[in-house]
């Protein structure tokens, strides 16, 4: 099953807005620039809000760019769906983790979706540090993308306020 089919199969019931956001993240990465960074922390650590502005995630749920598919399954167990190009995991508390693999079967993209009444996604300050000015739109929507060229990746953050509760998406992708 192709990477696109994995994504479509798992997320076909979600609003079209989600698909638009994730596809838009990749397109927006080509046009955005940001400060370089090599400081990192895990999404599981939820650092204090006074973390320096240069701080940024470099992994989600303990999965980092460059890990092998075998290392991922050691950490998270068997994926719900996988093939040569990607893996999909449904995690507790309404969280989903999608990974894209390169030709060497190493993680090149990590996308975490926190959606549903039990989902609690990280705040922008936890992802980018408190020094990054991330202001929600009038309707509560948030979107921010920062490139870290020295570290070799970019991070995109989006949050929508849906009737079923907030949906937060965080994507980390290797810069080619």
N, C-alpha and C. Protein backbone atom coordinates (compact mmCIF):
# COMPACT_ATOMS: atom_id res chain seq x y z
N UNK A 1 0.85 -1.18 0.00
CA UNK A 1 0.00 0.00 0.00
C UNK A 1 0.89 1.24 0.00
N UNK A 2 0.59 2.19 -0.85
CA UNK A 2 1.42 3.38 -0.95
C UNK A 2 1.22 4.30 0.24
N UNK A 3 2.19 5.20 0.43
CA UNK A 3 2.14 6.17 1.52
C UNK A 3 0.85 6.99 1.44
N UNK A 4 0.48 7.43 0.23
CA UNK A 4 -0.75 8.21 0.05
C UNK A 4 -1.98 7.40 0.43
N UNK A 5 -1.96 6.11 0.11
CA UNK A 5 -3.10 5.26 0.46
C UNK A 5 -3.19 5.06 1.96
N UNK A 6 -2.03 4.95 2.64
CA UNK A 6 -2.04 4.82 4.10
C UNK A 6 -2.74 6.03 4.69
N UNK A 7 -2.30 7.22 4.27
CA UNK A 7 -2.87 8.44 4.80
C UNK A 7 -4.36 8.52 4.49
N UNK A 8 -4.74 8.25 3.24
CA UNK A 8 -6.14 8.37 2.85
C UNK A 8 -7.02 7.37 3.59
N UNK A 9 -6.54 6.13 3.73
CA UNK A 9 -7.31 5.11 4.42
C UNK A 9 -7.58 5.51 5.86
N UNK A 10 -6.59 6.01 6.56
CA UNK A 10 -6.74 6.34 7.97
C UNK A 10 -7.52 7.62 8.19
N UNK A 11 -7.32 8.61 7.33
CA UNK A 11 -7.88 9.92 7.58
C UNK A 11 -9.07 10.28 6.70
N UNK A 12 -9.62 9.32 5.97
CA UNK A 12 -10.70 9.65 5.04
C UNK A 12 -11.92 10.19 5.75
N UNK A 13 -12.11 9.87 7.02
CA UNK A 13 -13.28 10.36 7.76
C UNK A 13 -13.07 11.75 8.36
N UNK A 14 -11.84 12.24 8.38
CA UNK A 14 -11.57 13.56 8.94
C UNK A 14 -11.95 14.64 7.95
N UNK A 15 -12.21 15.84 8.45
CA UNK A 15 -12.59 16.93 7.56
C UNK A 15 -11.53 17.18 6.49
N UNK A 16 -11.97 17.63 5.33
CA UNK A 16 -11.07 17.94 4.23
C UNK A 16 -10.06 19.00 4.61
N UNK A 17 -10.38 19.79 5.63
CA UNK A 17 -9.46 20.83 6.08
C UNK A 17 -8.15 20.21 6.54
N UNK A 18 -8.20 19.06 7.22
CA UNK A 18 -6.98 18.42 7.70
C UNK A 18 -6.08 18.06 6.53
N UNK A 19 -6.64 17.45 5.52
CA UNK A 19 -5.85 17.07 4.36
C UNK A 19 -5.24 18.32 3.74
N UNK A 20 -6.02 19.38 3.62
CA UNK A 20 -5.52 20.65 3.07
C UNK A 20 -4.37 21.19 3.91
N UNK A 21 -4.50 21.14 5.24
CA UNK A 21 -3.45 21.66 6.11
C UNK A 21 -2.14 20.90 5.95
N UNK A 22 -2.21 19.59 5.96
CA UNK A 22 -0.99 18.80 5.89
C UNK A 22 -0.33 18.98 4.53
N UNK A 23 -1.11 18.98 3.45
CA UNK A 23 -0.54 19.21 2.13
C UNK A 23 0.01 20.63 2.06
N UNK A 24 -0.70 21.58 2.64
CA UNK A 24 -0.26 22.97 2.64
C UNK A 24 1.03 23.16 3.41
N UNK A 25 1.25 22.37 4.44
CA UNK A 25 2.48 22.47 5.21
C UNK A 25 3.69 22.20 4.33
N UNK A 26 3.59 21.18 3.52
CA UNK A 26 4.71 20.85 2.63
C UNK A 26 4.95 21.96 1.62
N UNK A 27 3.89 22.49 1.04
CA UNK A 27 4.05 23.56 0.06
C UNK A 27 4.60 24.83 0.71
N UNK A 28 4.11 25.14 1.88
CA UNK A 28 4.54 26.35 2.57
C UNK A 28 6.01 26.27 2.97
N UNK A 29 6.50 25.07 3.20
CA UNK A 29 7.89 24.93 3.62
C UNK A 29 8.86 25.44 2.56
N UNK A 30 8.46 25.41 1.32
CA UNK A 30 9.33 25.88 0.26
C UNK A 30 9.51 27.39 0.28
N UNK A 31 8.52 28.10 0.83
CA UNK A 31 8.55 29.56 0.79
C UNK A 31 8.97 30.18 2.11
N UNK A 32 8.95 29.44 3.21
CA UNK A 32 9.23 30.00 4.52
C UNK A 32 10.70 29.92 4.86
N UNK A 33 11.16 30.87 5.69
CA UNK A 33 12.52 30.80 6.23
C UNK A 33 12.46 31.04 7.72
N UNK A 34 13.51 30.65 8.43
CA UNK A 34 13.56 30.85 9.88
C UNK A 34 14.99 30.79 10.35
N UNK A 35 15.16 30.98 11.63
CA UNK A 35 16.49 30.95 12.24
C UNK A 35 16.96 29.50 12.36
N UNK A 36 18.26 29.28 12.24
CA UNK A 36 18.79 27.94 12.41
C UNK A 36 18.75 27.55 13.87
N UNK A 37 18.79 26.22 14.11
CA UNK A 37 18.63 25.73 15.47
C UNK A 37 19.17 24.33 15.58
N UNK A 38 19.83 24.02 16.68
CA UNK A 38 20.19 22.64 16.94
C UNK A 38 19.83 22.23 18.35
N UNK A 39 19.17 23.08 19.11
CA UNK A 39 18.67 22.74 20.44
C UNK A 39 17.41 21.92 20.24
N UNK A 40 17.19 20.91 21.06
CA UNK A 40 16.02 20.07 20.83
C UNK A 40 15.46 19.56 22.14
N UNK A 41 14.19 19.21 22.08
CA UNK A 41 13.55 18.53 23.17
C UNK A 41 12.40 17.74 22.63
N UNK A 42 11.93 16.79 23.37
CA UNK A 42 10.88 15.89 22.94
C UNK A 42 9.51 16.47 23.19
N UNK A 43 8.56 16.07 22.38
CA UNK A 43 7.17 16.47 22.59
C UNK A 43 6.65 15.92 23.91
N UNK A 44 7.24 14.84 24.38
CA UNK A 44 6.79 14.24 25.64
C UNK A 44 7.29 15.00 26.86
N UNK A 45 8.32 15.85 26.70
CA UNK A 45 8.91 16.53 27.83
C UNK A 45 8.14 17.76 28.26
N UNK A 46 7.37 18.38 27.37
CA UNK A 46 6.61 19.60 27.66
C UNK A 46 7.41 20.56 28.52
N UNK A 47 8.42 21.21 27.95
CA UNK A 47 9.29 22.10 28.72
C UNK A 47 8.55 23.32 29.24
N UNK A 48 9.18 24.00 30.14
CA UNK A 48 8.59 25.21 30.71
C UNK A 48 8.41 26.27 29.63
N UNK A 49 7.43 27.13 29.81
CA UNK A 49 7.12 28.15 28.82
C UNK A 49 8.25 29.15 28.63
N UNK A 50 9.19 29.22 29.56
CA UNK A 50 10.29 30.17 29.41
C UNK A 50 11.48 29.59 28.66
N UNK A 51 11.27 28.52 27.94
CA UNK A 51 12.33 27.94 27.11
C UNK A 51 12.80 28.97 26.11
N UNK A 52 14.08 29.04 25.80
CA UNK A 52 14.57 30.05 24.85
C UNK A 52 13.88 29.94 23.50
N UNK A 53 13.78 31.07 22.81
CA UNK A 53 13.10 31.12 21.52
C UNK A 53 13.73 30.19 20.50
N UNK A 54 15.01 29.88 20.64
CA UNK A 54 15.68 29.02 19.67
C UNK A 54 15.34 27.55 19.83
N UNK A 55 14.63 27.19 20.90
CA UNK A 55 14.31 25.79 21.14
C UNK A 55 13.29 25.30 20.13
N UNK A 56 13.38 24.04 19.77
CA UNK A 56 12.41 23.45 18.84
C UNK A 56 12.38 21.94 19.03
N UNK A 57 11.27 21.35 18.70
CA UNK A 57 11.16 19.90 18.73
C UNK A 57 12.14 19.32 17.73
N UNK A 58 12.67 18.17 18.01
CA UNK A 58 13.36 17.41 16.98
C UNK A 58 12.80 15.99 16.93
N UNK A 59 11.81 15.70 17.77
CA UNK A 59 11.16 14.40 17.70
C UNK A 59 9.75 14.50 18.26
N UNK A 60 8.93 13.53 17.92
CA UNK A 60 7.58 13.44 18.44
C UNK A 60 7.39 12.02 18.96
N UNK A 61 6.90 11.92 20.17
CA UNK A 61 6.66 10.63 20.81
C UNK A 61 7.90 9.74 20.81
N UNK A 62 9.07 10.37 20.90
CA UNK A 62 10.32 9.63 20.94
C UNK A 62 10.83 9.19 19.58
N UNK A 63 10.15 9.56 18.53
CA UNK A 63 10.56 9.21 17.17
C UNK A 63 11.25 10.43 16.57
N UNK A 64 12.47 10.25 16.09
CA UNK A 64 13.26 11.35 15.54
C UNK A 64 13.56 11.11 14.07
N UNK A 65 13.80 12.19 13.37
CA UNK A 65 14.24 12.09 11.98
C UNK A 65 15.50 11.25 11.92
N UNK A 66 15.62 10.40 10.91
CA UNK A 66 16.80 9.57 10.74
C UNK A 66 16.73 8.21 11.42
N UNK A 67 15.74 7.98 12.29
CA UNK A 67 15.59 6.66 12.91
C UNK A 67 15.21 5.65 11.83
N UNK A 68 15.62 4.40 12.01
CA UNK A 68 15.23 3.36 11.07
C UNK A 68 13.82 2.87 11.40
N UNK A 69 13.19 2.22 10.43
CA UNK A 69 11.86 1.65 10.64
C UNK A 69 11.90 0.64 11.79
N UNK A 70 12.98 -0.12 11.89
CA UNK A 70 13.11 -1.09 13.00
C UNK A 70 13.17 -0.38 14.35
N UNK A 71 13.89 0.73 14.43
CA UNK A 71 13.96 1.48 15.69
C UNK A 71 12.58 2.03 16.06
N UNK A 72 11.83 2.46 15.07
CA UNK A 72 10.48 2.97 15.33
C UNK A 72 9.60 1.88 15.90
N UNK A 73 9.61 0.69 15.30
CA UNK A 73 8.75 -0.38 15.80
C UNK A 73 9.22 -0.87 17.18
N UNK A 74 10.51 -0.78 17.46
CA UNK A 74 10.99 -1.11 18.81
C UNK A 74 10.38 -0.13 19.83
N UNK A 75 10.27 1.12 19.45
CA UNK A 75 9.77 2.16 20.35
C UNK A 75 8.24 2.15 20.47
N UNK A 76 7.53 2.02 19.34
CA UNK A 76 6.07 2.17 19.33
C UNK A 76 5.30 0.88 19.12
N UNK A 77 5.99 -0.20 18.77
CA UNK A 77 5.29 -1.44 18.46
C UNK A 77 4.90 -1.49 16.99
N UNK A 78 4.07 -2.45 16.67
CA UNK A 78 3.66 -2.66 15.28
C UNK A 78 2.74 -1.52 14.83
N UNK A 79 3.00 -0.94 13.65
CA UNK A 79 2.13 0.13 13.16
C UNK A 79 0.77 -0.41 12.73
N UNK A 80 -0.23 0.47 12.72
CA UNK A 80 -1.55 0.08 12.23
C UNK A 80 -1.48 -0.26 10.75
N UNK A 81 -0.69 0.53 10.02
CA UNK A 81 -0.51 0.34 8.58
C UNK A 81 0.92 0.73 8.25
N UNK A 82 1.53 0.00 7.31
CA UNK A 82 2.88 0.38 6.89
C UNK A 82 3.16 -0.19 5.51
N UNK A 83 4.15 0.40 4.86
CA UNK A 83 4.70 -0.11 3.61
C UNK A 83 6.12 0.41 3.51
N UNK A 84 6.73 0.33 2.34
CA UNK A 84 8.12 0.75 2.16
C UNK A 84 8.32 2.25 2.36
N UNK A 85 7.25 3.04 2.23
CA UNK A 85 7.39 4.50 2.26
C UNK A 85 6.84 5.16 3.51
N UNK A 86 6.14 4.41 4.36
CA UNK A 86 5.58 5.07 5.53
C UNK A 86 4.97 4.12 6.55
N UNK A 87 4.65 4.71 7.70
CA UNK A 87 4.05 3.97 8.81
C UNK A 87 2.99 4.87 9.45
N UNK A 88 1.94 4.24 9.98
CA UNK A 88 0.88 4.97 10.65
C UNK A 88 0.56 4.29 11.96
N UNK A 89 0.51 5.09 13.05
CA UNK A 89 0.23 4.59 14.39
C UNK A 89 -0.95 5.34 14.98
N UNK A 90 -1.89 4.63 15.55
CA UNK A 90 -2.95 5.23 16.34
C UNK A 90 -2.53 5.08 17.79
N UNK A 91 -2.41 6.21 18.49
CA UNK A 91 -1.92 6.23 19.86
C UNK A 91 -3.05 6.56 20.82
N UNK A 92 -2.86 6.32 22.12
CA UNK A 92 -3.90 6.65 23.09
C UNK A 92 -4.25 8.15 23.09
N UNK A 93 -5.38 8.46 23.66
CA UNK A 93 -5.84 9.84 23.84
C UNK A 93 -6.02 10.59 22.52
N UNK A 94 -6.60 9.92 21.53
CA UNK A 94 -6.95 10.55 20.25
C UNK A 94 -5.76 11.16 19.53
N UNK A 95 -4.64 10.45 19.52
CA UNK A 95 -3.44 10.91 18.83
C UNK A 95 -3.09 9.93 17.71
N UNK A 96 -2.60 10.48 16.62
CA UNK A 96 -2.17 9.68 15.48
C UNK A 96 -0.78 10.16 15.07
N UNK A 97 0.08 9.22 14.70
CA UNK A 97 1.43 9.55 14.27
C UNK A 97 1.65 8.92 12.90
N UNK A 98 1.99 9.75 11.92
CA UNK A 98 2.28 9.28 10.57
C UNK A 98 3.74 9.57 10.26
N UNK A 99 4.44 8.57 9.71
CA UNK A 99 5.85 8.71 9.39
C UNK A 99 6.06 8.44 7.91
N UNK A 100 6.93 9.22 7.30
CA UNK A 100 7.35 8.99 5.93
C UNK A 100 8.78 8.50 5.98
N UNK A 101 9.08 7.47 5.19
CA UNK A 101 10.41 6.88 5.17
C UNK A 101 11.11 7.18 3.86
N UNK A 102 12.44 7.33 3.90
CA UNK A 102 13.21 7.54 2.68
C UNK A 102 13.57 6.18 2.07
N UNK A 103 14.36 6.18 1.02
CA UNK A 103 14.74 4.94 0.33
C UNK A 103 15.53 3.99 1.23
N UNK A 104 16.21 4.53 2.25
CA UNK A 104 16.96 3.69 3.19
C UNK A 104 16.13 3.24 4.38
N UNK A 105 14.81 3.46 4.30
CA UNK A 105 13.87 3.11 5.37
C UNK A 105 14.17 3.85 6.67
N UNK A 106 14.57 5.13 6.52
CA UNK A 106 14.79 5.99 7.67
C UNK A 106 13.73 7.08 7.67
N UNK A 107 13.34 7.52 8.86
CA UNK A 107 12.29 8.53 9.00
C UNK A 107 12.75 9.85 8.41
N UNK A 108 11.94 10.39 7.47
CA UNK A 108 12.24 11.69 6.87
C UNK A 108 11.16 12.71 7.19
N UNK A 109 10.00 12.26 7.68
CA UNK A 109 8.92 13.17 8.07
C UNK A 109 8.13 12.52 9.20
N UNK A 110 7.76 13.35 10.17
CA UNK A 110 6.93 12.91 11.29
C UNK A 110 5.76 13.88 11.38
N UNK A 111 4.55 13.36 11.41
CA UNK A 111 3.37 14.21 11.57
C UNK A 111 2.52 13.63 12.70
N UNK A 112 2.25 14.45 13.70
CA UNK A 112 1.39 14.05 14.81
C UNK A 112 0.11 14.85 14.73
N UNK A 113 -1.02 14.15 14.87
CA UNK A 113 -2.32 14.79 14.87
C UNK A 113 -2.98 14.49 16.22
N UNK A 114 -3.37 15.55 16.90
CA UNK A 114 -4.07 15.46 18.18
C UNK A 114 -5.48 15.94 17.90
N UNK A 115 -6.45 15.02 17.88
CA UNK A 115 -7.82 15.40 17.51
C UNK A 115 -8.83 14.56 18.27
N UNK A 116 -9.78 15.21 18.87
CA UNK A 116 -10.82 14.51 19.62
C UNK A 116 -10.92 15.06 21.03
N UNK A 117 -11.93 14.60 21.73
CA UNK A 117 -12.19 15.16 23.06
C UNK A 117 -11.08 14.88 24.07
N UNK A 118 -10.31 13.79 23.88
CA UNK A 118 -9.24 13.45 24.82
C UNK A 118 -7.85 13.92 24.36
N UNK A 119 -7.78 14.53 23.19
CA UNK A 119 -6.48 14.92 22.64
C UNK A 119 -6.01 16.23 23.26
N UNK A 120 -4.77 16.26 23.67
CA UNK A 120 -4.16 17.47 24.21
C UNK A 120 -2.84 17.67 23.50
N UNK A 121 -2.87 18.50 22.46
CA UNK A 121 -1.65 18.79 21.72
C UNK A 121 -0.81 19.82 22.43
N UNK A 122 0.48 19.83 22.15
CA UNK A 122 1.37 20.84 22.74
C UNK A 122 0.98 22.25 22.32
N UNK A 123 1.33 23.20 23.13
CA UNK A 123 1.12 24.62 22.80
C UNK A 123 2.26 25.09 21.90
N UNK A 124 2.04 26.14 21.12
CA UNK A 124 3.11 26.64 20.24
C UNK A 124 4.41 26.94 20.98
N UNK A 125 4.34 27.50 22.18
CA UNK A 125 5.55 27.83 22.94
C UNK A 125 6.34 26.56 23.30
N UNK A 126 5.66 25.43 23.43
CA UNK A 126 6.34 24.18 23.72
C UNK A 126 7.07 23.65 22.50
N UNK A 127 6.61 24.04 21.33
CA UNK A 127 7.22 23.59 20.09
C UNK A 127 8.34 24.53 19.66
N UNK A 128 8.06 25.84 19.66
CA UNK A 128 8.99 26.82 19.12
C UNK A 128 9.75 27.60 20.18
N UNK A 129 9.37 27.50 21.44
CA UNK A 129 9.95 28.31 22.50
C UNK A 129 9.11 29.56 22.70
N UNK A 130 9.19 30.14 23.87
CA UNK A 130 8.33 31.28 24.20
C UNK A 130 8.72 32.55 23.45
N UNK A 131 9.90 32.60 22.86
CA UNK A 131 10.34 33.79 22.14
C UNK A 131 9.70 33.95 20.77
N UNK A 132 9.13 32.87 20.22
CA UNK A 132 8.44 32.96 18.93
C UNK A 132 7.05 33.54 19.17
N UNK A 133 6.70 34.55 18.43
CA UNK A 133 5.40 35.18 18.56
C UNK A 133 4.39 34.42 17.71
N UNK A 134 3.55 33.63 18.35
CA UNK A 134 2.53 32.86 17.65
C UNK A 134 1.18 33.36 18.13
N UNK A 135 0.52 34.13 17.30
CA UNK A 135 -0.76 34.72 17.65
C UNK A 135 -1.90 34.00 16.93
N UNK A 136 -2.92 33.56 17.65
CA UNK A 136 -4.07 32.93 16.99
C UNK A 136 -4.86 33.96 16.18
N UNK A 137 -5.52 33.47 15.14
CA UNK A 137 -6.45 34.29 14.38
C UNK A 137 -7.67 34.59 15.25
N UNK A 138 -8.54 35.44 14.80
CA UNK A 138 -9.74 35.80 15.57
C UNK A 138 -10.59 34.58 15.91
N UNK A 139 -10.61 33.59 15.01
CA UNK A 139 -11.41 32.39 15.26
C UNK A 139 -10.63 31.31 16.01
N UNK A 140 -9.41 31.62 16.46
CA UNK A 140 -8.62 30.68 17.24
C UNK A 140 -7.65 29.84 16.44
N UNK A 141 -7.72 29.91 15.11
CA UNK A 141 -6.80 29.13 14.28
C UNK A 141 -5.36 29.61 14.49
N UNK A 142 -4.44 28.66 14.44
CA UNK A 142 -3.02 28.97 14.57
C UNK A 142 -2.28 28.24 13.46
N UNK A 143 -1.33 28.92 12.83
CA UNK A 143 -0.45 28.28 11.87
C UNK A 143 0.92 28.94 11.95
N UNK A 144 1.96 28.12 12.06
CA UNK A 144 3.33 28.64 12.12
C UNK A 144 4.24 27.59 11.50
N UNK A 145 5.17 28.03 10.67
CA UNK A 145 6.17 27.16 10.09
C UNK A 145 7.53 27.83 10.24
N UNK A 146 8.51 27.09 10.76
CA UNK A 146 9.86 27.62 10.93
C UNK A 146 10.84 26.59 10.37
N UNK A 147 11.77 27.10 9.58
CA UNK A 147 12.85 26.26 9.03
C UNK A 147 14.08 26.39 9.93
N UNK A 148 14.75 25.27 10.16
CA UNK A 148 15.99 25.21 10.92
C UNK A 148 17.05 24.60 10.00
N UNK A 149 17.57 25.37 9.03
CA UNK A 149 18.47 24.81 8.02
C UNK A 149 19.75 24.21 8.59
N UNK A 150 20.31 24.78 9.63
CA UNK A 150 21.52 24.21 10.21
C UNK A 150 21.26 22.85 10.84
N UNK A 151 20.07 22.65 11.36
CA UNK A 151 19.70 21.37 11.94
C UNK A 151 19.17 20.41 10.88
N UNK A 152 18.77 20.94 9.70
CA UNK A 152 18.34 20.10 8.60
C UNK A 152 16.88 19.72 8.58
N UNK A 153 16.02 20.49 9.27
CA UNK A 153 14.59 20.17 9.25
C UNK A 153 13.76 21.43 9.41
N UNK A 154 12.45 21.29 9.15
CA UNK A 154 11.50 22.36 9.42
C UNK A 154 10.38 21.81 10.28
N UNK A 155 9.70 22.71 10.98
CA UNK A 155 8.58 22.34 11.84
C UNK A 155 7.39 23.20 11.47
N UNK A 156 6.24 22.58 11.34
CA UNK A 156 5.00 23.31 11.10
C UNK A 156 4.01 22.94 12.20
N UNK A 157 3.27 23.93 12.65
CA UNK A 157 2.29 23.77 13.72
C UNK A 157 0.98 24.37 13.24
N UNK A 158 -0.11 23.65 13.41
CA UNK A 158 -1.42 24.23 13.10
C UNK A 158 -2.43 23.74 14.12
N UNK A 159 -3.38 24.60 14.41
CA UNK A 159 -4.48 24.25 15.31
C UNK A 159 -5.77 24.85 14.76
N UNK A 160 -6.79 24.01 14.73
CA UNK A 160 -8.12 24.42 14.34
C UNK A 160 -9.07 24.16 15.49
N UNK A 161 -10.06 25.00 15.64
CA UNK A 161 -11.10 24.76 16.63
C UNK A 161 -12.30 24.18 15.91
N UNK A 162 -12.49 22.86 16.08
CA UNK A 162 -13.59 22.16 15.44
C UNK A 162 -14.72 21.95 16.44
N UNK A 163 -15.88 21.59 15.95
CA UNK A 163 -17.02 21.33 16.85
C UNK A 163 -16.68 20.21 17.84
N UNK A 164 -15.89 19.24 17.42
CA UNK A 164 -15.53 18.12 18.29
C UNK A 164 -14.37 18.44 19.22
N UNK A 165 -13.84 19.66 19.13
CA UNK A 165 -12.71 20.07 19.96
C UNK A 165 -11.55 20.50 19.09
N UNK A 166 -10.46 20.97 19.71
CA UNK A 166 -9.33 21.44 18.90
C UNK A 166 -8.63 20.28 18.20
N UNK A 167 -8.10 20.55 17.02
CA UNK A 167 -7.27 19.60 16.30
C UNK A 167 -5.93 20.28 16.06
N UNK A 168 -4.87 19.69 16.62
CA UNK A 168 -3.53 20.22 16.49
C UNK A 168 -2.71 19.27 15.64
N UNK A 169 -1.96 19.82 14.70
CA UNK A 169 -1.07 19.04 13.85
C UNK A 169 0.33 19.61 13.96
N UNK A 170 1.30 18.76 14.22
CA UNK A 170 2.70 19.15 14.24
C UNK A 170 3.43 18.26 13.25
N UNK A 171 4.16 18.90 12.35
CA UNK A 171 4.92 18.17 11.33
C UNK A 171 6.38 18.57 11.42
N UNK A 172 7.25 17.57 11.44
CA UNK A 172 8.69 17.79 11.39
C UNK A 172 9.17 17.08 10.14
N UNK A 173 9.88 17.80 9.27
CA UNK A 173 10.35 17.16 8.04
C UNK A 173 11.78 17.54 7.74
N UNK A 174 12.51 16.56 7.27
CA UNK A 174 13.89 16.76 6.86
C UNK A 174 13.92 17.68 5.65
N UNK A 175 14.86 18.62 5.64
CA UNK A 175 15.05 19.49 4.49
C UNK A 175 15.92 18.74 3.49
N UNK A 176 15.48 18.66 2.25
CA UNK A 176 16.25 17.95 1.22
C UNK A 176 17.49 18.72 0.85
